[in-house]
Amino acid sequence: MSTLKTFMRRSKVYSARTKKTLPFATKLKRHIAFMHMPKCAGTSLSNALYGLVPLHKRVGVIDANATRLAAGVMHHNVIDWEACHEDLDDPKPCFDLREGELITHMNWKTPLIHGHFLWSDHAYEHFHKDYDFITMLRNPVDRALSNFRMNKNEGILPNDFHVDDWLSSKLGFHHGSTYLRYFSGNAILSIDDAEHHLSTAIENAQKFNLIGCVEKQSLFIQKFQKLYGSKPSIGKDNRAKNDVINLSEKQLSKLNELCRYDHIIYEKFRDWQL
């Protein structure tokens, strides 16, 4: 993100937070832990949520790249953001670190916590009376394709890595099972054991206080305002480059198969609490 865009985004957030600091401003009724599903408009939503927190209150940002780097140092003795990247071979140390940060902020009574963290039994067991869990979903095929584009744009995948290569790879299934992994609390799953974790993922998702979907964002905002007394103003941050991937019928069928468990979760929860 350019310096100007970063300045404008942060200025907007701090302006909103300044208004929330005024004595008469409405405050969030509950503490919130926002599980940011990758490529589900979470950057836009998180910035909107930051704007609901008064300046004298803490915002718990579990930074994606910083935790990758920290996990790389701790577990591989290297400063390399790919060493423990979520989409590569050793994501667990990064997610373990994020769980630790999540629980640290909960002990700190941070009113809003946000990040790419997995479901945590420890966090829920000890803090569900103090925190509401919320998240945002998106059509799994659209989400997976956006994740694929981002990996190519960030250099995780080479530019000549073809869609067919992706659909036949472990990464293709990894992208197709994002909701399954996040809700079940597993950093990585194999095709062979994925179905075993579906019931756990659904059980954990049912513990969320609010689950929205990108396709019905206005309904999510309405419900959020009803639950928490404040209305987030969601912009359009971190949009992917306009490089549409046109899939053949065969490729789309394959991708739908890779997303089969995420489709089940999405269909069950896209109207959750709305």
C-alpha atoms as a PDB file:
ATOM      1  CA  MET A   1       0.000   0.000   0.000  1.00  0.00           C
ATOM      2  CA  SER A   2       1.358   3.428  -0.923  1.00  0.00           C
ATOM      3  CA  THR A   3       2.321   5.941   1.754  1.00  0.00           C
ATOM      4  CA  LEU A   4      -0.533   8.235   0.704  1.00  0.00           C
ATOM      5  CA  LYS A   5      -3.123   5.444   0.857  1.00  0.00           C
ATOM      6  CA  THR A   6      -1.824   4.344   4.247  1.00  0.00           C
ATOM      7  CA  PHE A   7      -1.996   7.929   5.515  1.00  0.00           C
ATOM      8  CA  MET A   8      -5.553   8.379   4.229  1.00  0.00           C
ATOM      9  CA  ARG A   9      -6.727   5.063   5.679  1.00  0.00           C
ATOM     10  CA  ARG A  10      -5.196   5.729   9.081  1.00  0.00           C
ATOM     11  CA  SER A  11      -6.452   9.308   9.135  1.00  0.00           C
ATOM     12  CA  LYS A  12      -9.975   8.053   8.540  1.00  0.00           C
ATOM     13  CA  VAL A  13      -9.657   5.491  11.330  1.00  0.00           C
ATOM     14  CA  TYR A  14      -8.224   7.971  13.843  1.00  0.00           C
ATOM     15  CA  SER A  15     -10.856  10.535  12.943  1.00  0.00           C
ATOM     16  CA  ALA A  16     -13.577   7.988  13.678  1.00  0.00           C
ATOM     17  CA  ARG A  17     -11.864   6.941  16.915  1.00  0.00           C
ATOM     18  CA  THR A  18     -11.601  10.579  17.990  1.00  0.00           C
ATOM     19  CA  LYS A  19     -15.364  10.973  17.602  1.00  0.00           C
ATOM     20  CA  LYS A  20     -15.921   7.801  19.643  1.00  0.00           C
ATOM     21  CA  THR A  21     -13.784   9.301  22.426  1.00  0.00           C
ATOM     22  CA  LEU A  22     -16.300  12.106  23.020  1.00  0.00           C
ATOM     23  CA  PRO A  23     -18.405  11.642  26.188  1.00  0.00           C
ATOM     24  CA  PHE A  24     -21.757  11.394  24.360  1.00  0.00           C
ATOM     25  CA  ALA A  25     -20.579   8.920  21.704  1.00  0.00           C
ATOM     26  CA  THR A  26     -22.040   5.407  21.685  1.00  0.00           C
ATOM     27  CA  LYS A  27     -19.583   2.720  22.759  1.00  0.00           C
ATOM     28  CA  LEU A  28     -19.361  -0.964  21.867  1.00  0.00           C
ATOM     29  CA  LYS A  29     -21.587  -2.944  24.213  1.00  0.00           C
ATOM     30  CA  ARG A  30     -19.356  -6.023  24.209  1.00  0.00           C
ATOM     31  CA  HIS A  31     -15.723  -6.921  23.663  1.00  0.00           C
ATOM     32  CA  ILE A  32     -15.181  -8.458  20.226  1.00  0.00           C
ATOM     33  CA  ALA A  33     -12.749 -10.982  18.741  1.00  0.00           C
ATOM     34  CA  PHE A  34     -12.913 -10.725  14.965  1.00  0.00           C
ATOM     35  CA  MET A  35     -11.623 -13.839  13.182  1.00  0.00           C
ATOM     36  CA  HIS A  36     -10.468 -12.510   9.824  1.00  0.00           C
ATOM     37  CA  MET A  37     -10.996 -15.129   7.132  1.00  0.00           C
ATOM     38  CA  PRO A  38      -8.522 -14.412   4.304  1.00  0.00           C
ATOM     39  CA  LYS A  39      -9.964 -12.608   1.280  1.00  0.00           C
ATOM     40  CA  CYS A  40     -13.396 -12.004   2.814  1.00  0.00           C
ATOM     41  CA  ALA A  41     -13.374  -8.186   2.902  1.00  0.00           C
ATOM     42  CA  GLY A  42     -11.867  -8.431   6.375  1.00  0.00           C
ATOM     43  CA  THR A  43      -9.418  -5.572   5.883  1.00  0.00           C
ATOM     44  CA  SER A  44     -12.278  -3.191   5.117  1.00  0.00           C
ATOM     45  CA  LEU A  45     -14.327  -4.504   8.032  1.00  0.00           C
ATOM     46  CA  SER A  46     -11.429  -4.383  10.480  1.00  0.00           C
ATOM     47  CA  ASN A  47     -10.690  -0.748   9.634  1.00  0.00           C
ATOM     48  CA  ALA A  48     -14.362   0.041  10.178  1.00  0.00           C
ATOM     49  CA  LEU A  49     -14.292  -1.745  13.531  1.00  0.00           C
ATOM     50  CA  TYR A  50     -11.126   0.080  14.615  1.00  0.00           C
ATOM     51  CA  GLY A  51     -13.051   3.306  14.119  1.00  0.00           C
ATOM     52  CA  LEU A  52     -15.528   2.236  16.812  1.00  0.00           C
ATOM     53  CA  VAL A  53     -12.890   2.114  19.555  1.00  0.00           C
ATOM     54  CA  PRO A  54     -12.167   5.345  21.507  1.00  0.00           C
ATOM     55  CA  LEU A  55      -8.589   6.599  21.350  1.00  0.00           C
ATOM     56  CA  HIS A  56      -7.926   5.838  25.017  1.00  0.00           C
ATOM     57  CA  LYS A  57      -8.861   2.174  24.488  1.00  0.00           C
ATOM     58  CA  ARG A  58      -6.574  -0.473  23.033  1.00  0.00           C
ATOM     59  CA  VAL A  59      -7.089  -2.116  19.623  1.00  0.00           C
ATOM     60  CA  GLY A  60      -5.601  -5.609  19.430  1.00  0.00           C
ATOM     61  CA  VAL A  61      -4.181  -6.028  15.925  1.00  0.00           C
ATOM     62  CA  ILE A  62      -2.627  -9.468  15.423  1.00  0.00           C
ATOM     63  CA  ASP A  63      -0.520  -8.444  12.462  1.00  0.00           C
ATOM     64  CA  ALA A  64      -0.244 -11.063   9.717  1.00  0.00           C
ATOM     65  CA  ASN A  65       3.223 -10.331   8.379  1.00  0.00           C
ATOM     66  CA  ALA A  66       4.787  -9.552  11.753  1.00  0.00           C
ATOM     67  CA  THR A  67       3.630 -12.881  13.167  1.00  0.00           C
ATOM     68  CA  ARG A  68       5.010 -14.702  10.114  1.00  0.00           C
ATOM     69  CA  LEU A  69       8.376 -13.059  10.627  1.00  0.00           C
ATOM     70  CA  ALA A  70       8.366 -13.668  14.383  1.00  0.00           C
ATOM     71  CA  ALA A  71       7.479 -17.339  13.942  1.00  0.00           C
ATOM     72  CA  GLY A  72      10.284 -17.687  11.385  1.00  0.00           C
ATOM     73  CA  VAL A  73      12.791 -16.296  13.861  1.00  0.00           C
ATOM     74  CA  MET A  74      11.532 -18.445  16.730  1.00  0.00           C
ATOM     75  CA  HIS A  75      11.222 -21.752  14.866  1.00  0.00           C
ATOM     76  CA  HIS A  76      13.707 -21.527  11.971  1.00  0.00           C
ATOM     77  CA  ASN A  77      16.138 -18.838  13.166  1.00  0.00           C
ATOM     78  CA  VAL A  78      15.548 -16.778  10.029  1.00  0.00           C
ATOM     79  CA  ILE A  79      13.893 -13.439   9.273  1.00  0.00           C
ATOM     80  CA  ASP A  80      11.826 -14.656   6.338  1.00  0.00           C
ATOM     81  CA  TRP A  81       8.092 -14.100   5.999  1.00  0.00           C
ATOM     82  CA  GLU A  82       7.748 -17.289   3.941  1.00  0.00           C
ATOM     83  CA  ALA A  83       9.268 -19.563   6.618  1.00  0.00           C
ATOM     84  CA  CYS A  84       5.964 -19.935   8.508  1.00  0.00           C
ATOM     85  CA  HIS A  85       3.519 -18.446   6.001  1.00  0.00           C
ATOM     86  CA  GLU A  86      -0.039 -19.734   6.320  1.00  0.00           C
ATOM     87  CA  ASP A  87      -0.122 -20.998   2.740  1.00  0.00           C
ATOM     88  CA  LEU A  88       3.228 -22.787   2.775  1.00  0.00           C
ATOM     89  CA  ASP A  89       4.654 -25.901   4.440  1.00  0.00           C
ATOM     90  CA  ASP A  90       4.964 -24.847   8.098  1.00  0.00           C
ATOM     91  CA  PRO A  91       2.049 -22.606   9.127  1.00  0.00           C
ATOM     92  CA  LYS A  92       1.440 -24.010  12.623  1.00  0.00           C
ATOM     93  CA  PRO A  93       4.104 -21.942  14.465  1.00  0.00           C
ATOM     94  CA  CYS A  94       2.577 -18.761  13.045  1.00  0.00           C
ATOM     95  CA  PHE A  95      -0.936 -19.716  14.084  1.00  0.00           C
ATOM     96  CA  ASP A  96       0.275 -20.818  17.523  1.00  0.00           C
ATOM     97  CA  LEU A  97       1.862 -17.406  17.979  1.00  0.00           C
ATOM     98  CA  ARG A  98      -1.366 -15.707  16.934  1.00  0.00           C
ATOM     99  CA  GLU A  99      -3.352 -17.776  19.422  1.00  0.00           C
ATOM    100  CA  GLY A 100      -0.948 -16.600  22.115  1.00  0.00           C
ATOM    101  CA  GLU A 101      -1.467 -12.987  21.084  1.00  0.00           C
ATOM    102  CA  LEU A 102      -5.239 -13.482  21.043  1.00  0.00           C
ATOM    103  CA  ILE A 103      -5.243 -14.843  24.585  1.00  0.00           C
ATOM    104  CA  THR A 104      -2.799 -12.156  25.734  1.00  0.00           C
ATOM    105  CA  HIS A 105      -5.164  -9.436  24.511  1.00  0.00           C
ATOM    106  CA  MET A 106      -8.108 -11.171  26.149  1.00  0.00           C
ATOM    107  CA  ASN A 107      -6.270 -11.166  29.452  1.00  0.00           C
ATOM    108  CA  TRP A 108      -5.504  -7.500  28.781  1.00  0.00           C
ATOM    109  CA  LYS A 109      -9.248  -6.827  28.317  1.00  0.00           C
ATOM    110  CA  THR A 110      -8.608  -5.326  24.880  1.00  0.00           C
ATOM    111  CA  PRO A 111     -12.077  -4.278  23.617  1.00  0.00           C
ATOM    112  CA  LEU A 112     -11.450  -5.239  19.966  1.00  0.00           C
ATOM    113  CA  ILE A 113      -9.111  -7.977  18.737  1.00  0.00           C
ATOM    114  CA  HIS A 114      -8.593  -8.680  15.042  1.00  0.00           C
ATOM    115  CA  GLY A 115      -6.454 -11.047  13.040  1.00  0.00           C
ATOM    116  CA  HIS A 116      -6.019 -14.175  10.933  1.00  0.00           C
ATOM    117  CA  PHE A 117      -6.251 -16.464  13.960  1.00  0.00           C
ATOM    118  CA  LEU A 118      -7.748 -19.940  14.084  1.00  0.00           C
ATOM    119  CA  TRP A 119     -10.517 -21.049  16.390  1.00  0.00           C
ATOM    120  CA  SER A 120      -9.056 -21.440  19.887  1.00  0.00           C
ATOM    121  CA  ASP A 121     -10.638 -23.776  22.424  1.00  0.00           C
ATOM    122  CA  HIS A 122      -8.502 -22.111  25.110  1.00  0.00           C
ATOM    123  CA  ALA A 123      -9.730 -18.619  24.218  1.00  0.00           C
ATOM    124  CA  TYR A 124     -13.363 -19.697  24.122  1.00  0.00           C
ATOM    125  CA  GLU A 125     -13.232 -21.758  27.313  1.00  0.00           C
ATOM    126  CA  HIS A 126     -11.747 -18.970  29.404  1.00  0.00           C
ATOM    127  CA  PHE A 127     -13.130 -15.829  27.770  1.00  0.00           C
ATOM    128  CA  HIS A 128     -16.465 -16.526  26.049  1.00  0.00           C
ATOM    129  CA  LYS A 129     -18.272 -14.675  28.838  1.00  0.00           C
ATOM    130  CA  ASP A 130     -16.178 -11.581  28.138  1.00  0.00           C
ATOM    131  CA  TYR A 131     -15.843 -11.720  24.347  1.00  0.00           C
ATOM    132  CA  ASP A 132     -18.129 -12.143  21.361  1.00  0.00           C
ATOM    133  CA  PHE A 133     -16.667 -13.955  18.355  1.00  0.00           C
ATOM    134  CA  ILE A 134     -17.539 -12.604  14.918  1.00  0.00           C
ATOM    135  CA  THR A 135     -16.404 -13.282  11.356  1.00  0.00           C
ATOM    136  CA  MET A 136     -17.225 -12.665   7.707  1.00  0.00           C
ATOM    137  CA  LEU A 137     -17.536 -15.303   4.974  1.00  0.00           C
ATOM    138  CA  ARG A 138     -17.631 -15.216   1.181  1.00  0.00           C
ATOM    139  CA  ASN A 139     -18.593 -17.612  -1.580  1.00  0.00           C
ATOM    140  CA  PRO A 140     -15.836 -20.261  -1.225  1.00  0.00           C
ATOM    141  CA  VAL A 141     -14.968 -20.396  -4.923  1.00  0.00           C
ATOM    142  CA  ASP A 142     -14.617 -16.612  -5.147  1.00  0.00           C
ATOM    143  CA  ARG A 143     -12.610 -16.598  -1.921  1.00  0.00           C
ATOM    144  CA  ALA A 144     -10.232 -19.334  -3.104  1.00  0.00           C
ATOM    145  CA  LEU A 145      -9.643 -17.642  -6.460  1.00  0.00           C
ATOM    146  CA  SER A 146      -8.891 -14.364  -4.697  1.00  0.00           C
ATOM    147  CA  ASN A 147      -6.411 -16.186  -2.451  1.00  0.00           C
ATOM    148  CA  PHE A 148      -4.743 -17.709  -5.527  1.00  0.00           C
ATOM    149  CA  ARG A 149      -4.442 -14.275  -7.164  1.00  0.00           C
ATOM    150  CA  MET A 150      -2.989 -12.786  -3.985  1.00  0.00           C
ATOM    151  CA  ASN A 151      -0.374 -15.558  -3.729  1.00  0.00           C
ATOM    152  CA  LYS A 152       0.726 -14.822  -7.296  1.00  0.00           C
ATOM    153  CA  ASN A 153       0.763 -11.063  -6.744  1.00  0.00           C
ATOM    154  CA  GLU A 154       2.839 -11.455  -3.563  1.00  0.00           C
ATOM    155  CA  GLY A 155       5.323 -13.813  -5.189  1.00  0.00           C
ATOM    156  CA  ILE A 156       4.404 -16.887  -3.151  1.00  0.00           C
ATOM    157  CA  LEU A 157       3.550 -18.518  -6.457  1.00  0.00           C
ATOM    158  CA  PRO A 158       5.461 -17.862  -9.692  1.00  0.00           C
ATOM    159  CA  ASN A 159       3.678 -15.927 -12.413  1.00  0.00           C
ATOM    160  CA  ASP A 160       3.677 -18.960 -14.695  1.00  0.00           C
ATOM    161  CA  PHE A 161       1.974 -21.174 -12.084  1.00  0.00           C
ATOM    162  CA  HIS A 162      -1.106 -22.293 -14.007  1.00  0.00           C
ATOM    163  CA  VAL A 163      -4.623 -22.690 -12.619  1.00  0.00           C
ATOM    164  CA  ASP A 164      -4.501 -26.415 -13.423  1.00  0.00           C
ATOM    165  CA  ASP A 165      -1.306 -26.727 -11.378  1.00  0.00           C
ATOM    166  CA  TRP A 166      -3.019 -24.982  -8.479  1.00  0.00           C
ATOM    167  CA  LEU A 167      -6.137 -27.146  -8.684  1.00  0.00           C
ATOM    168  CA  SER A 168      -3.996 -30.293  -8.564  1.00  0.00           C
ATOM    169  CA  SER A 169      -1.801 -29.128  -5.687  1.00  0.00           C
ATOM    170  CA  LYS A 170      -1.972 -29.253  -1.902  1.00  0.00           C
ATOM    171  CA  LEU A 171      -2.266 -25.477  -1.975  1.00  0.00           C
ATOM    172  CA  GLY A 172      -5.447 -25.716  -4.047  1.00  0.00           C
ATOM    173  CA  PHE A 173      -7.078 -27.869  -1.386  1.00  0.00           C
ATOM    174  CA  HIS A 174      -5.604 -25.629   1.312  1.00  0.00           C
ATOM    175  CA  HIS A 175      -7.316 -22.604  -0.235  1.00  0.00           C
ATOM    176  CA  GLY A 176     -10.512 -24.579  -0.793  1.00  0.00           C
ATOM    177  CA  SER A 177     -10.735 -25.631   2.861  1.00  0.00           C
ATOM    178  CA  THR A 178     -10.099 -22.289   4.569  1.00  0.00           C
ATOM    179  CA  TYR A 179     -13.357 -22.194   6.557  1.00  0.00           C
ATOM    180  CA  LEU A 180     -12.873 -25.812   7.560  1.00  0.00           C
ATOM    181  CA  ARG A 181      -9.351 -25.088   8.822  1.00  0.00           C
ATOM    182  CA  TYR A 182     -10.191 -21.849  10.633  1.00  0.00           C
ATOM    183  CA  PHE A 183     -13.343 -23.049  12.370  1.00  0.00           C
ATOM    184  CA  SER A 184     -11.873 -26.437  13.305  1.00  0.00           C
ATOM    185  CA  GLY A 185      -8.678 -24.823  14.595  1.00  0.00           C
ATOM    186  CA  ASN A 186      -6.303 -26.697  12.264  1.00  0.00           C
ATOM    187  CA  ALA A 187      -3.423 -24.871  10.596  1.00  0.00           C
ATOM    188  CA  ILE A 188      -3.282 -27.431   7.812  1.00  0.00           C
ATOM    189  CA  LEU A 189      -5.408 -30.383   6.714  1.00  0.00           C
ATOM    190  CA  SER A 190      -5.019 -33.162   4.190  1.00  0.00           C
ATOM    191  CA  ILE A 191      -7.730 -34.311   1.822  1.00  0.00           C
ATOM    192  CA  ASP A 192      -7.822 -37.655   3.594  1.00  0.00           C
ATOM    193  CA  ASP A 193      -8.629 -36.315   7.064  1.00  0.00           C
ATOM    194  CA  ALA A 194     -10.651 -33.212   6.172  1.00  0.00           C
ATOM    195  CA  GLU A 195     -14.109 -34.740   6.535  1.00  0.00           C
ATOM    196  CA  HIS A 196     -13.224 -35.867  10.046  1.00  0.00           C
ATOM    197  CA  HIS A 197     -13.007 -32.198  11.131  1.00  0.00           C
ATOM    198  CA  LEU A 198     -16.241 -30.946   9.557  1.00  0.00           C
ATOM    199  CA  SER A 199     -18.458 -31.617  12.574  1.00  0.00           C
ATOM    200  CA  THR A 200     -15.962 -29.846  14.847  1.00  0.00           C
ATOM    201  CA  ALA A 201     -15.856 -26.844  12.515  1.00  0.00           C
ATOM    202  CA  ILE A 202     -19.652 -26.587  12.479  1.00  0.00           C
ATOM    203  CA  GLU A 203     -19.853 -26.985  16.249  1.00  0.00           C
ATOM    204  CA  ASN A 204     -17.323 -24.188  16.763  1.00  0.00           C
ATOM    205  CA  ALA A 205     -18.975 -21.897  14.197  1.00  0.00           C
ATOM    206  CA  GLN A 206     -22.232 -22.226  16.132  1.00  0.00           C
ATOM    207  CA  LYS A 207     -20.495 -20.576  19.083  1.00  0.00           C
ATOM    208  CA  PHE A 208     -20.012 -17.355  17.112  1.00  0.00           C
ATOM    209  CA  ASN A 209     -22.223 -14.429  18.001  1.00  0.00           C
ATOM    210  CA  LEU A 210     -22.263 -12.987  14.501  1.00  0.00           C
ATOM    211  CA  ILE A 211     -21.300 -14.434  11.130  1.00  0.00           C
ATOM    212  CA  GLY A 212     -21.873 -12.333   8.044  1.00  0.00           C
ATOM    213  CA  CYS A 213     -21.113 -12.773   4.382  1.00  0.00           C
ATOM    214  CA  VAL A 214     -19.649 -10.396   1.838  1.00  0.00           C
ATOM    215  CA  GLU A 215     -22.641 -10.854  -0.463  1.00  0.00           C
ATOM    216  CA  LYS A 216     -25.017  -9.588   2.266  1.00  0.00           C
ATOM    217  CA  GLN A 217     -22.823  -7.001   3.911  1.00  0.00           C
ATOM    218  CA  SER A 218     -25.656  -4.540   4.610  1.00  0.00           C
ATOM    219  CA  LEU A 219     -27.475  -7.168   6.666  1.00  0.00           C
ATOM    220  CA  PHE A 220     -24.306  -7.814   8.647  1.00  0.00           C
ATOM    221  CA  ILE A 221     -24.025  -4.089   9.429  1.00  0.00           C
ATOM    222  CA  GLN A 222     -27.651  -3.968  10.602  1.00  0.00           C
ATOM    223  CA  LYS A 223     -27.206  -6.914  12.912  1.00  0.00           C
ATOM    224  CA  PHE A 224     -23.893  -5.610  14.216  1.00  0.00           C
ATOM    225  CA  GLN A 225     -25.480  -2.287  15.120  1.00  0.00           C
ATOM    226  CA  LYS A 226     -28.308  -4.072  16.916  1.00  0.00           C
ATOM    227  CA  LEU A 227     -25.920  -6.251  18.915  1.00  0.00           C
ATOM    228  CA  TYR A 228     -23.206  -3.722  19.727  1.00  0.00           C
ATOM    229  CA  GLY A 229     -24.831  -0.295  19.547  1.00  0.00           C
ATOM    230  CA  SER A 230     -22.513   1.139  16.902  1.00  0.00           C
ATOM    231  CA  LYS A 231     -22.562   1.031  13.118  1.00  0.00           C
ATOM    232  CA  PRO A 232     -19.325   0.238  11.254  1.00  0.00           C
ATOM    233  CA  SER A 233     -18.700   2.258   8.103  1.00  0.00           C
ATOM    234  CA  ILE A 234     -17.172  -0.318   5.759  1.00  0.00           C
ATOM    235  CA  GLY A 235     -15.051   0.922   2.873  1.00  0.00           C
ATOM    236  CA  LYS A 236     -13.221  -1.023   0.160  1.00  0.00           C
ATOM    237  CA  ASP A 237      -9.680  -1.621   1.352  1.00  0.00           C
ATOM    238  CA  ASN A 238      -7.138  -4.171   0.100  1.00  0.00           C
ATOM    239  CA  ARG A 239      -9.006  -4.876  -3.121  1.00  0.00           C
ATOM    240  CA  ALA A 240      -7.387  -7.400  -5.425  1.00  0.00           C
ATOM    241  CA  LYS A 241      -6.032  -6.337  -8.786  1.00  0.00           C
ATOM    242  CA  ASN A 242      -8.556  -6.566 -11.592  1.00  0.00           C
ATOM    243  CA  ASP A 243      -7.106  -9.756 -13.072  1.00  0.00           C
ATOM    244  CA  VAL A 244     -10.139 -11.970 -13.550  1.00  0.00           C
ATOM    245  CA  ILE A 245      -9.486 -15.692 -13.837  1.00  0.00           C
ATOM    246  CA  ASN A 246     -11.834 -17.350 -16.304  1.00  0.00           C
ATOM    247  CA  LEU A 247     -12.266 -21.019 -15.478  1.00  0.00           C
ATOM    248  CA  SER A 248     -13.391 -23.706 -17.846  1.00  0.00           C
ATOM    249  CA  GLU A 249     -16.333 -25.887 -16.853  1.00  0.00           C
ATOM    250  CA  LYS A 250     -13.899 -28.651 -15.902  1.00  0.00           C
ATOM    251  CA  GLN A 251     -11.735 -26.324 -13.813  1.00  0.00           C
ATOM    252  CA  LEU A 252     -14.759 -24.861 -12.023  1.00  0.00           C
ATOM    253  CA  SER A 253     -16.008 -28.363 -11.247  1.00  0.00           C
ATOM    254  CA  LYS A 254     -12.621 -29.249  -9.771  1.00  0.00           C
ATOM    255  CA  LEU A 255     -12.512 -26.097  -7.672  1.00  0.00           C
ATOM    256  CA  ASN A 256     -16.025 -26.715  -6.360  1.00  0.00           C
ATOM    257  CA  GLU A 257     -14.886 -30.182  -5.329  1.00  0.00           C
ATOM    258  CA  LEU A 258     -11.876 -28.735  -3.491  1.00  0.00           C
ATOM    259  CA  CYS A 259     -14.249 -26.314  -1.734  1.00  0.00           C
ATOM    260  CA  ARG A 260     -16.865 -28.929  -0.889  1.00  0.00           C
ATOM    261  CA  TYR A 261     -16.483 -28.650   2.903  1.00  0.00           C
ATOM    262  CA  ASP A 262     -16.274 -24.859   2.820  1.00  0.00           C
ATOM    263  CA  HIS A 263     -19.455 -24.868   0.717  1.00  0.00           C
ATOM    264  CA  ILE A 264     -21.227 -26.829   3.473  1.00  0.00           C
ATOM    265  CA  ILE A 265     -20.071 -24.355   6.116  1.00  0.00           C
ATOM    266  CA  TYR A 266     -20.872 -21.331   3.968  1.00  0.00           C
ATOM    267  CA  GLU A 267     -24.395 -22.501   3.132  1.00  0.00           C
ATOM    268  CA  LYS A 268     -25.093 -23.279   6.776  1.00  0.00           C
ATOM    269  CA  PHE A 269     -23.782 -20.017   8.220  1.00  0.00           C
ATOM    270  CA  ARG A 270     -24.007 -17.315   5.564  1.00  0.00           C
ATOM    271  CA  ASP A 271     -27.312 -16.155   7.082  1.00  0.00           C
ATOM    272  CA  TRP A 272     -26.219 -16.887  10.667  1.00  0.00           C
ATOM    273  CA  GLN A 273     -27.918 -14.436  13.049  1.00  0.00           C
ATOM    274  CA  LEU A 274     -29.115 -12.272  10.167  1.00  0.00           C
END
